[in-house]
Amino acid sequence: MNAKKLLGLGLASAVLLGSGVATAFAADVDHEVQTQTGTTPVTVQVNDESDPDPINPVTPTDPTSPVLPGQTRLTLNHVPTAYDFQTTVSDGQYTVNSGTIGSGTAGDGSEDIVVFNSKVGRKWNVKATVANEQLSITKSGTTTNFPVTSFKITSTGANGNGSAQEVSATGYQGVVAQDVNAASGATLDAENNTSSMSIPVSAVSIGFTDNTHVIKAGDTVTGTIDYQLYMVTTV
């Protein structure tokens, strides 16, 4: 008998064995002793993380500019999937504030900034900036850059609740989401500052300059918004 035939027999045996075991387990139902059952309750106590945070200094001089610690339980898990704006041709100066955030369907999560945090007393924030402080367009192989003069995000977790935060102007990185204590003064607790927290972005506006008047009707100007999560301090 050659190796191929032996392999075939092995597979057949495995199939028959598996079938027999399944039949035996199914037959157990016919041998139950009625009313003779038991239960064991299971509980899992979820505690606040006690490991110290690797941050130096512990309390930054400027809480809006913390150092960048290496964290495994403080993570930025999601940012808005898209900012798609609409505008008309302008004489050099553009201010755009209408368009679609995320998928355009409010509440589906595509417009959210999502942060995961494992420690009740950990203070954190998320900053945003326009990459290279510019938008751009490419025509016939030539790229033209447009300086960004203003970029504002309105979210439920930045600069109070629901106010527009200037997040990019002359290089300034602004806070677009932060812990509830920094946003509203509420006391940090397990409910409002642990696990996965979603901060919806409700409005966006952007301003930029096209002094050379390269932009024409039908063009698409592109850019990238970068986000960075920071730990501010731990109380």
Protein backbone atom coordinates (compact mmCIF):
# COMPACT_ATOMS: atom_id res chain seq x y z
CA MET A 1 0.00 0.00 0.00
CA ASN A 2 1.54 3.30 -1.01
CA ALA A 3 1.74 6.49 1.05
CA LYS A 4 -1.19 8.08 -0.75
CA LYS A 5 -3.49 5.14 0.13
CA LEU A 6 -2.32 5.16 3.75
CA LEU A 7 -3.07 8.87 4.03
CA GLY A 8 -6.50 8.29 2.62
CA LEU A 9 -7.25 5.62 5.20
CA GLY A 10 -6.06 7.92 7.99
CA LEU A 11 -8.42 10.65 6.94
CA ALA A 12 -11.31 8.22 6.66
CA SER A 13 -10.62 6.90 10.15
CA ALA A 14 -10.55 10.42 11.55
CA VAL A 15 -13.90 11.18 9.96
CA LEU A 16 -15.45 8.00 11.35
CA LEU A 17 -14.03 8.66 14.82
CA GLY A 18 -15.34 12.21 14.82
CA SER A 19 -18.74 10.96 13.75
CA GLY A 20 -18.80 8.38 16.55
CA VAL A 21 -17.90 10.94 19.23
CA ALA A 22 -20.60 13.29 18.02
CA THR A 23 -23.14 10.45 18.15
CA ALA A 24 -22.07 9.53 21.70
CA PHE A 25 -22.47 13.09 22.98
CA ALA A 26 -25.86 13.39 21.32
CA ALA A 27 -26.95 10.11 22.97
CA ASP A 28 -26.14 11.53 26.43
CA VAL A 29 -29.45 13.40 26.29
CA ASP A 30 -31.26 10.06 26.51
CA HIS A 31 -29.48 9.19 29.79
CA GLU A 32 -30.16 12.36 31.79
CA VAL A 33 -31.29 11.85 35.36
CA GLN A 34 -34.30 14.12 35.54
CA THR A 35 -34.19 17.15 37.91
CA GLN A 36 -30.58 16.34 38.89
CA THR A 37 -28.80 19.54 37.85
CA GLY A 38 -26.55 22.09 39.46
CA THR A 39 -25.33 25.63 38.81
CA THR A 40 -22.23 27.62 39.72
CA PRO A 41 -22.40 31.43 39.61
CA VAL A 42 -19.53 33.32 37.97
CA THR A 43 -18.48 36.85 38.90
CA VAL A 44 -15.60 38.92 37.56
CA GLN A 45 -14.64 41.94 39.63
CA VAL A 46 -13.29 44.71 37.39
CA ASN A 47 -10.88 46.99 39.25
CA ASP A 48 -9.26 50.31 38.55
CA GLU A 49 -5.76 49.93 37.14
CA SER A 50 -3.19 50.48 39.89
CA ASP A 51 0.04 50.42 37.86
CA PRO A 52 1.82 53.78 37.94
CA ASP A 53 1.82 55.84 34.76
CA PRO A 54 5.22 56.45 33.14
CA ILE A 55 4.95 60.20 32.85
CA ASN A 56 7.60 62.79 33.57
CA PRO A 57 6.95 65.24 35.02
CA VAL A 58 3.94 63.83 36.89
CA THR A 59 2.18 67.20 36.61
CA PRO A 60 3.24 69.07 33.46
CA THR A 61 3.79 72.82 33.76
CA ASP A 62 1.34 73.31 30.91
CA PRO A 63 -1.45 70.68 31.03
CA THR A 64 -2.27 71.34 27.35
CA SER A 65 1.28 70.34 26.38
CA PRO A 66 2.02 67.10 28.25
CA VAL A 67 4.86 64.76 27.50
CA LEU A 68 4.14 61.70 25.40
CA PRO A 69 4.18 58.62 27.67
CA GLY A 70 4.26 55.06 26.43
CA GLN A 71 0.82 53.70 27.31
CA THR A 72 -0.80 50.39 26.49
CA ARG A 73 -4.11 51.02 28.24
CA LEU A 74 -4.65 54.58 27.04
CA THR A 75 -5.31 54.36 23.33
CA LEU A 76 -6.75 56.41 20.49
CA ASN A 77 -8.95 53.85 18.74
CA HIS A 78 -10.82 55.93 16.17
CA VAL A 79 -10.96 59.36 14.53
CA PRO A 80 -13.50 60.71 12.01
CA THR A 81 -13.25 58.74 8.77
CA ALA A 82 -13.54 61.79 6.51
CA TYR A 83 -14.13 65.51 6.28
CA ASP A 84 -15.69 66.12 2.86
CA PHE A 85 -16.33 69.81 2.21
CA GLN A 86 -18.15 71.76 -0.47
CA THR A 87 -17.42 75.33 -1.62
CA THR A 88 -17.38 77.58 -4.68
CA VAL A 89 -14.48 79.33 -6.42
CA SER A 90 -13.21 82.21 -4.31
CA ASP A 91 -10.93 85.17 -4.95
CA GLY A 92 -7.95 83.78 -3.07
CA GLN A 93 -9.43 83.36 0.43
CA TYR A 94 -11.45 80.28 1.33
CA THR A 95 -13.47 79.61 4.47
CA VAL A 96 -15.32 76.30 4.27
CA ASN A 97 -17.78 75.10 6.90
CA SER A 98 -20.30 72.96 5.06
CA GLY A 99 -19.90 69.33 4.17
CA THR A 100 -19.95 65.78 5.49
CA ILE A 101 -18.30 64.49 8.67
CA GLY A 102 -17.58 60.77 8.61
CA SER A 103 -20.14 58.91 6.55
CA GLY A 104 -22.69 61.68 6.91
CA THR A 105 -24.98 59.52 9.01
CA ALA A 106 -25.02 60.99 12.51
CA GLY A 107 -24.63 58.45 15.28
CA ASP A 108 -23.06 55.64 13.25
CA GLY A 109 -19.69 56.23 14.91
CA SER A 110 -17.84 57.31 11.78
CA GLU A 111 -17.68 60.89 13.06
CA ASP A 112 -16.38 59.94 16.52
CA ILE A 113 -13.07 60.37 18.27
CA VAL A 114 -12.81 57.23 20.43
CA VAL A 115 -10.41 56.91 23.39
CA PHE A 116 -9.93 53.86 25.61
CA ASN A 117 -8.75 54.48 29.19
CA SER A 118 -8.22 51.95 31.98
CA LYS A 119 -7.70 54.26 34.96
CA VAL A 120 -10.35 56.43 36.64
CA GLY A 121 -8.02 59.25 37.66
CA ARG A 122 -6.05 59.49 34.42
CA LYS A 123 -6.44 62.82 32.64
CA TRP A 124 -5.94 62.87 28.89
CA ASN A 125 -6.53 64.86 25.75
CA VAL A 126 -6.45 64.52 21.99
CA LYS A 127 -4.94 67.23 19.80
CA ALA A 128 -5.32 67.76 16.08
CA THR A 129 -3.36 69.62 13.45
CA VAL A 130 -3.45 70.00 9.68
CA ALA A 131 -0.50 68.07 8.28
CA ASN A 132 2.22 70.52 7.21
CA GLU A 133 -0.30 73.32 7.91
CA GLN A 134 -1.46 73.20 4.30
CA LEU A 135 -3.87 71.75 1.76
CA SER A 136 -2.83 71.07 -1.81
CA ILE A 137 -3.86 70.34 -5.38
CA THR A 138 -2.02 68.58 -8.19
CA LYS A 139 -2.55 69.51 -11.82
CA SER A 140 -0.59 68.18 -14.78
CA GLY A 141 1.99 66.75 -12.40
CA THR A 142 2.49 70.05 -10.54
CA THR A 143 1.48 70.33 -6.89
CA THR A 144 0.44 73.66 -5.41
CA ASN A 145 0.18 74.10 -1.63
CA PHE A 146 -2.30 76.37 0.13
CA PRO A 147 -1.47 77.64 3.64
CA VAL A 148 -4.16 76.84 6.19
CA THR A 149 -5.21 79.95 8.12
CA SER A 150 -7.83 78.39 10.37
CA PHE A 151 -9.14 74.96 11.31
CA LYS A 152 -11.88 74.52 13.90
CA ILE A 153 -13.51 71.41 15.30
CA THR A 154 -16.64 71.39 17.43
CA SER A 155 -17.07 68.28 19.58
CA THR A 156 -18.76 67.32 22.83
CA GLY A 157 -15.41 66.81 24.52
CA ALA A 158 -13.28 69.86 23.77
CA ASN A 159 -13.13 73.31 25.33
CA GLY A 160 -16.34 72.79 27.24
CA ASN A 161 -19.18 71.09 25.42
CA GLY A 162 -20.10 72.08 21.90
CA SER A 163 -17.87 75.12 21.34
CA ALA A 164 -15.62 75.47 18.30
CA GLN A 165 -11.96 74.97 19.14
CA GLU A 166 -9.30 76.58 16.94
CA VAL A 167 -6.97 73.67 16.33
CA SER A 168 -4.61 74.81 13.63
CA ALA A 169 -3.37 78.31 12.99
CA THR A 170 0.31 79.14 12.60
CA GLY A 171 1.25 75.71 13.91
CA TYR A 172 -0.88 75.66 17.06
CA GLN A 173 -2.08 72.19 18.01
CA GLY A 174 -5.47 72.44 19.71
CA VAL A 175 -7.33 70.05 21.96
CA VAL A 176 -10.28 68.45 20.18
CA ALA A 177 -11.22 65.91 22.88
CA GLN A 178 -10.36 65.52 26.55
CA ASP A 179 -11.41 63.87 29.79
CA VAL A 180 -14.72 64.98 31.25
CA ASN A 181 -13.05 66.84 34.12
CA ALA A 182 -11.16 69.13 31.76
CA ALA A 183 -14.15 69.53 29.47
CA SER A 184 -16.87 70.29 32.02
CA GLY A 185 -15.36 70.21 35.51
CA ALA A 186 -17.14 66.98 36.44
CA THR A 187 -15.57 64.59 38.93
CA LEU A 188 -13.75 61.74 37.23
CA ASP A 189 -15.31 58.36 37.94
CA ALA A 190 -15.44 54.88 36.45
CA GLU A 191 -18.56 55.66 34.44
CA ASN A 192 -17.32 58.79 32.72
CA ASN A 193 -13.59 58.13 32.40
CA THR A 194 -12.92 54.42 31.83
CA SER A 195 -13.36 51.92 29.02
CA SER A 196 -14.22 53.18 25.53
CA MET A 197 -15.33 56.81 25.31
CA SER A 198 -16.79 58.29 22.11
CA ILE A 199 -16.63 62.02 21.43
CA PRO A 200 -18.71 62.96 18.36
CA VAL A 201 -17.44 65.73 16.08
CA SER A 202 -20.47 67.82 15.17
CA ALA A 203 -18.97 70.64 13.09
CA VAL A 204 -15.78 71.49 11.22
CA SER A 205 -14.57 74.61 9.44
CA ILE A 206 -11.36 75.27 7.55
CA GLY A 207 -9.78 78.35 6.00
CA PHE A 208 -6.95 78.47 3.47
CA THR A 209 -5.36 80.82 0.93
CA ASP A 210 -4.92 80.48 -2.85
CA ASN A 211 -3.07 83.68 -3.75
CA THR A 212 -2.10 82.35 -7.20
CA HIS A 213 -5.70 81.51 -8.11
CA VAL A 214 -4.84 77.99 -9.21
CA ILE A 215 -8.16 76.58 -8.02
CA LYS A 216 -10.88 76.33 -10.67
CA ALA A 217 -14.45 75.06 -10.60
CA GLY A 218 -14.48 71.27 -10.58
CA ASP A 219 -11.13 70.92 -8.76
CA THR A 220 -10.60 68.93 -5.56
CA VAL A 221 -8.31 70.26 -2.84
CA THR A 222 -6.92 67.64 -0.46
CA GLY A 223 -5.15 67.44 2.89
CA THR A 224 -4.76 65.37 6.04
CA ILE A 225 -5.73 65.97 9.66
CA ASP A 226 -3.36 64.37 12.18
CA TYR A 227 -4.40 63.45 15.73
CA GLN A 228 -2.29 62.71 18.80
CA LEU A 229 -3.43 61.31 22.16
CA TYR A 230 -1.69 62.59 25.31
CA MET A 231 -1.82 61.70 28.97
CA VAL A 232 -1.92 64.94 30.92
CA THR A 233 -1.60 63.69 34.51
CA THR A 234 -2.95 61.18 37.01
CA VAL A 235 -4.80 62.17 40.18
